[in-house]
Amino acid sequence: MPRFAANLGYLFTDRALLERIDAAAASGFKAIELQFPYDVPAAQVRAAIERNKLTILGVNTPPGEREGEFGLAAVPGREKDFDALFARALDYITAIGGSAIHCLAGKVPPEQRPAAERVFIDNLMRAADLAAAKNVSLLIEPINARDRPNYFLNRVEHAADIIAKAGKPNIRMQFDFYHVQIVGGDLITRLEKHLAVVGHLQCAGVPVRHEPDDGEINYPYVFA
């Protein structure tokens, strides 16, 4: 039986973050995940989570300080900046009682991709050791290049290879059916093939990225 969490980066977005937590609980969710909650003090977020008896899963690393950035984990020359962003995420997820951090790989121009793979693996290995000490897992997510041009990680096969090369048991894949459908489809076969390294699933309608009952994916079949 699937267990569902509300992604409060996309749900109840007409409300402030703390009100979204209340709304998720009122709608029957037992768990939530966040994206970029950093403007709200962690103590306030934790209080809202505990008041509503919710499980908090994960957050994203901050996207970066420069215009247009969407993570730094695979960006050559920005290793120290990634370390700072990751430290902020680890402090925050620990303070709110969560269990995972999605490490945004970032945008990498084609000519930097060979170097970026090594940077990505090294950054993840270093971060994984820090996270393990806090009982936190790392997630990496293939994101389609239509929505995020030049995003480094696009395919589930590449993510699985990165995880294997990093060799850390607390690095897992965030498998988003929305992105996977856009990049290559064949959802169930690819999920089953890589299920051993999948740590979290996400879903949305394709191509609109709205509710999962709107679009081309047969989610009842996928969930079954």
Foldseek 3Di string as FASTA:
>chain_A
DDADAAEVVPPPVVDPPLVVLVVRLVVPHQEYEYEDPVVDDLVSLLVSCVVSNHAYAEYEQDQFDDPPGGADLQPPPCLVVNVVSLVSRLVSCLSNVYAEYEHFLIADPPVCLVVSLVSNLVSCLVSLVVSVVSNHAYEYEAADCVVPPRRNHHEPVVQLVSCVVSVRPRYAYEAEQQSHCVRPDPPPVSCVVRVVRHDHYHYAAPPPRHHRVDHDDPVVVVVD
